[in-house]
Amino acid sequence: MITTKTRLQGSSVIVTLPANNGEKLESNKEYVVVYSEDDTITLIPKIDDPFSGGTEGEFYEVDEWSELIPVGRELF
């Protein structure tokens, strides 16, 4: 099991992530930080918006359900 400790640097808490079997994380990479109720901290690599480079309407899909008529207790 790999362990680490937190330390205080100014008004921030720092966590140093040790190498895992010789694999090191990239430096200067941004992560989204998620704090869970069970005190778990998850780091998710931040990616660029995949929809920012498309043309207008490129990701539009036709509504296949628009002509469907409810026959029971469905909610539309």
N, C-alpha and C. Protein backbone atom coordinates (compact mmCIF):
# COMPACT_ATOMS: atom_id res chain seq x y z
N MET A 1 0.85 -1.17 0.00
CA MET A 1 0.00 0.00 0.00
C MET A 1 0.89 1.23 0.00
N ILE A 2 0.58 2.16 -0.88
CA ILE A 2 1.32 3.41 -0.96
C ILE A 2 0.61 4.43 -0.06
N THR A 3 1.37 5.11 0.79
CA THR A 3 0.78 6.11 1.66
C THR A 3 1.51 7.44 1.49
N THR A 4 0.86 8.50 1.92
CA THR A 4 1.45 9.83 1.90
C THR A 4 0.85 10.64 3.03
N LYS A 5 1.43 11.77 3.33
CA LYS A 5 0.91 12.63 4.38
C LYS A 5 0.62 14.00 3.80
N THR A 6 -0.31 14.69 4.43
CA THR A 6 -0.59 16.07 4.06
C THR A 6 0.34 16.99 4.83
N ARG A 7 0.57 18.17 4.26
CA ARG A 7 1.36 19.17 4.97
C ARG A 7 0.79 20.54 4.65
N LEU A 8 1.03 21.47 5.54
CA LEU A 8 0.52 22.82 5.38
C LEU A 8 1.57 23.69 4.71
N GLN A 9 1.16 24.39 3.65
CA GLN A 9 2.05 25.32 2.97
C GLN A 9 1.26 26.61 2.78
N GLY A 10 1.57 27.61 3.61
CA GLY A 10 0.78 28.84 3.61
C GLY A 10 -0.61 28.53 4.14
N SER A 11 -1.64 28.86 3.37
CA SER A 11 -3.01 28.55 3.79
C SER A 11 -3.57 27.35 3.03
N SER A 12 -2.71 26.61 2.32
CA SER A 12 -3.14 25.44 1.54
C SER A 12 -2.63 24.15 2.18
N VAL A 13 -3.37 23.08 1.98
CA VAL A 13 -2.93 21.76 2.40
C VAL A 13 -2.37 21.06 1.17
N ILE A 14 -1.16 20.55 1.27
CA ILE A 14 -0.46 19.92 0.15
C ILE A 14 -0.43 18.42 0.36
N VAL A 15 -0.70 17.67 -0.72
CA VAL A 15 -0.56 16.22 -0.71
C VAL A 15 0.44 15.86 -1.81
N THR A 16 1.51 15.19 -1.44
CA THR A 16 2.50 14.75 -2.41
C THR A 16 2.11 13.35 -2.86
N LEU A 17 2.02 13.14 -4.17
CA LEU A 17 1.65 11.83 -4.70
C LEU A 17 2.91 11.08 -5.10
N PRO A 18 3.21 9.98 -4.40
CA PRO A 18 4.41 9.21 -4.72
C PRO A 18 4.25 8.44 -6.02
N ALA A 19 5.37 8.03 -6.61
CA ALA A 19 5.34 7.23 -7.83
C ALA A 19 4.73 5.86 -7.53
N ASN A 20 4.05 5.31 -8.51
CA ASN A 20 3.41 4.00 -8.38
C ASN A 20 4.15 3.02 -9.29
N ASN A 21 4.98 2.16 -8.72
CA ASN A 21 5.77 1.21 -9.50
C ASN A 21 6.60 1.90 -10.58
N GLY A 22 7.17 3.03 -10.23
CA GLY A 22 7.99 3.77 -11.17
C GLY A 22 7.23 4.70 -12.08
N GLU A 23 5.89 4.64 -12.08
CA GLU A 23 5.08 5.52 -12.92
C GLU A 23 4.82 6.81 -12.17
N LYS A 24 5.17 7.92 -12.79
CA LYS A 24 4.94 9.22 -12.19
C LYS A 24 3.86 9.97 -12.97
N LEU A 25 3.12 10.81 -12.28
CA LEU A 25 2.14 11.66 -12.94
C LEU A 25 2.83 12.76 -13.71
N GLU A 26 2.16 13.26 -14.74
CA GLU A 26 2.70 14.40 -15.48
C GLU A 26 2.68 15.63 -14.59
N SER A 27 3.69 16.46 -14.71
CA SER A 27 3.68 17.70 -13.95
C SER A 27 2.91 18.76 -14.73
N ASN A 28 2.43 19.75 -14.01
CA ASN A 28 1.68 20.88 -14.58
C ASN A 28 0.43 20.45 -15.33
N LYS A 29 -0.22 19.40 -14.89
CA LYS A 29 -1.46 18.94 -15.49
C LYS A 29 -2.60 19.32 -14.55
N GLU A 30 -3.73 19.77 -15.11
CA GLU A 30 -4.86 20.19 -14.29
C GLU A 30 -5.80 19.02 -14.02
N TYR A 31 -6.35 19.01 -12.81
CA TYR A 31 -7.29 17.98 -12.39
C TYR A 31 -8.52 18.63 -11.79
N VAL A 32 -9.67 17.98 -11.94
CA VAL A 32 -10.88 18.37 -11.25
C VAL A 32 -10.86 17.59 -9.94
N VAL A 33 -11.08 18.28 -8.82
CA VAL A 33 -11.03 17.65 -7.51
C VAL A 33 -12.45 17.43 -7.01
N VAL A 34 -12.76 16.19 -6.59
CA VAL A 34 -14.07 15.84 -6.07
C VAL A 34 -13.90 15.34 -4.64
N TYR A 35 -14.54 16.02 -3.70
CA TYR A 35 -14.53 15.60 -2.30
C TYR A 35 -15.82 14.83 -2.03
N SER A 36 -15.71 13.59 -1.54
CA SER A 36 -16.88 12.77 -1.25
C SER A 36 -17.20 12.79 0.24
N GLU A 37 -18.42 12.40 0.57
CA GLU A 37 -18.86 12.39 1.97
C GLU A 37 -18.05 11.42 2.84
N ASP A 38 -17.47 10.39 2.23
CA ASP A 38 -16.70 9.40 3.01
C ASP A 38 -15.22 9.79 3.10
N ASP A 39 -14.91 11.09 2.91
CA ASP A 39 -13.56 11.64 2.97
C ASP A 39 -12.65 11.17 1.85
N THR A 40 -13.21 10.63 0.79
CA THR A 40 -12.43 10.25 -0.38
C THR A 40 -12.20 11.49 -1.24
N ILE A 41 -10.98 11.65 -1.73
CA ILE A 41 -10.65 12.74 -2.65
C ILE A 41 -10.31 12.10 -3.99
N THR A 42 -11.04 12.49 -5.04
CA THR A 42 -10.82 11.93 -6.36
C THR A 42 -10.26 13.02 -7.28
N LEU A 43 -9.20 12.68 -8.01
CA LEU A 43 -8.62 13.59 -8.99
C LEU A 43 -8.97 13.09 -10.38
N ILE A 44 -9.65 13.93 -11.16
CA ILE A 44 -10.06 13.56 -12.51
C ILE A 44 -9.32 14.47 -13.49
N PRO A 45 -8.56 13.89 -14.44
CA PRO A 45 -7.84 14.75 -15.39
C PRO A 45 -8.80 15.68 -16.13
N LYS A 46 -8.48 16.97 -16.16
CA LYS A 46 -9.31 17.95 -16.83
C LYS A 46 -9.03 17.88 -18.33
N ILE A 47 -10.10 17.83 -19.13
CA ILE A 47 -9.96 17.79 -20.58
C ILE A 47 -10.61 19.04 -21.18
N ASP A 48 -10.21 19.36 -22.39
CA ASP A 48 -10.84 20.47 -23.10
C ASP A 48 -12.26 20.07 -23.46
N ASP A 49 -13.12 21.06 -23.64
CA ASP A 49 -14.50 20.82 -24.00
C ASP A 49 -14.56 20.14 -25.37
N PRO A 50 -15.04 18.89 -25.45
CA PRO A 50 -15.05 18.19 -26.75
C PRO A 50 -16.05 18.78 -27.74
N PHE A 51 -16.98 19.62 -27.26
CA PHE A 51 -17.99 20.20 -28.14
C PHE A 51 -17.65 21.62 -28.58
N SER A 52 -16.51 22.15 -28.15
CA SER A 52 -16.17 23.54 -28.46
C SER A 52 -15.74 23.75 -29.91
N GLY A 53 -15.24 22.73 -30.58
CA GLY A 53 -14.71 22.91 -31.92
C GLY A 53 -15.67 22.59 -33.04
N GLY A 54 -16.87 22.17 -32.73
CA GLY A 54 -17.81 21.77 -33.78
C GLY A 54 -18.53 22.94 -34.41
N THR A 55 -19.14 22.67 -35.54
CA THR A 55 -19.95 23.69 -36.19
C THR A 55 -21.34 23.67 -35.57
N GLU A 56 -22.09 24.75 -35.76
CA GLU A 56 -23.41 24.85 -35.18
C GLU A 56 -24.33 23.76 -35.76
N GLY A 57 -24.97 23.01 -34.89
CA GLY A 57 -25.88 21.95 -35.31
C GLY A 57 -25.21 20.61 -35.57
N GLU A 58 -23.90 20.53 -35.43
CA GLU A 58 -23.18 19.29 -35.74
C GLU A 58 -23.60 18.14 -34.83
N PHE A 59 -23.93 18.45 -33.59
CA PHE A 59 -24.26 17.40 -32.62
C PHE A 59 -25.76 17.26 -32.41
N TYR A 60 -26.55 17.83 -33.29
CA TYR A 60 -28.01 17.77 -33.21
C TYR A 60 -28.50 16.39 -33.63
N GLU A 61 -29.47 15.87 -32.90
CA GLU A 61 -30.10 14.61 -33.28
C GLU A 61 -31.60 14.84 -33.41
N VAL A 62 -32.20 14.23 -34.40
CA VAL A 62 -33.63 14.36 -34.63
C VAL A 62 -34.38 13.67 -33.50
N ASP A 63 -35.47 14.32 -33.05
CA ASP A 63 -36.29 13.74 -31.99
C ASP A 63 -37.14 12.61 -32.58
N GLU A 64 -36.77 11.37 -32.26
CA GLU A 64 -37.47 10.20 -32.81
C GLU A 64 -38.82 9.95 -32.12
N TRP A 65 -39.07 10.62 -30.99
CA TRP A 65 -40.26 10.36 -30.21
C TRP A 65 -41.32 11.44 -30.37
N SER A 66 -41.12 12.41 -31.23
CA SER A 66 -42.02 13.57 -31.32
C SER A 66 -43.44 13.21 -31.75
N GLU A 67 -43.62 12.20 -32.56
CA GLU A 67 -44.95 11.85 -33.05
C GLU A 67 -45.61 10.74 -32.25
N LEU A 68 -45.00 10.32 -31.16
CA LEU A 68 -45.55 9.24 -30.34
C LEU A 68 -46.71 9.76 -29.49
N ILE A 69 -47.81 9.04 -29.47
CA ILE A 69 -49.00 9.43 -28.70
C ILE A 69 -49.07 8.56 -27.45
N PRO A 70 -49.20 9.17 -26.26
CA PRO A 70 -49.28 8.37 -25.04
C PRO A 70 -50.57 7.54 -25.03
N VAL A 71 -50.48 6.29 -24.59
CA VAL A 71 -51.63 5.39 -24.56
C VAL A 71 -51.99 4.94 -23.16
N GLY A 72 -51.17 5.26 -22.20
CA GLY A 72 -51.41 4.83 -20.83
C GLY A 72 -51.13 5.96 -19.87
N ARG A 73 -50.31 5.66 -18.87
CA ARG A 73 -50.01 6.67 -17.86
C ARG A 73 -48.62 7.27 -18.07
N GLU A 74 -48.12 7.27 -19.29
CA GLU A 74 -46.80 7.84 -19.58
C GLU A 74 -46.83 9.35 -19.38
N LEU A 75 -45.68 9.88 -19.02
CA LEU A 75 -45.55 11.32 -18.88
C LEU A 75 -44.66 11.83 -19.98
N PHE A 76 -45.12 12.81 -20.72
CA PHE A 76 -44.31 13.41 -21.79
C PHE A 76 -44.10 14.86 -21.47
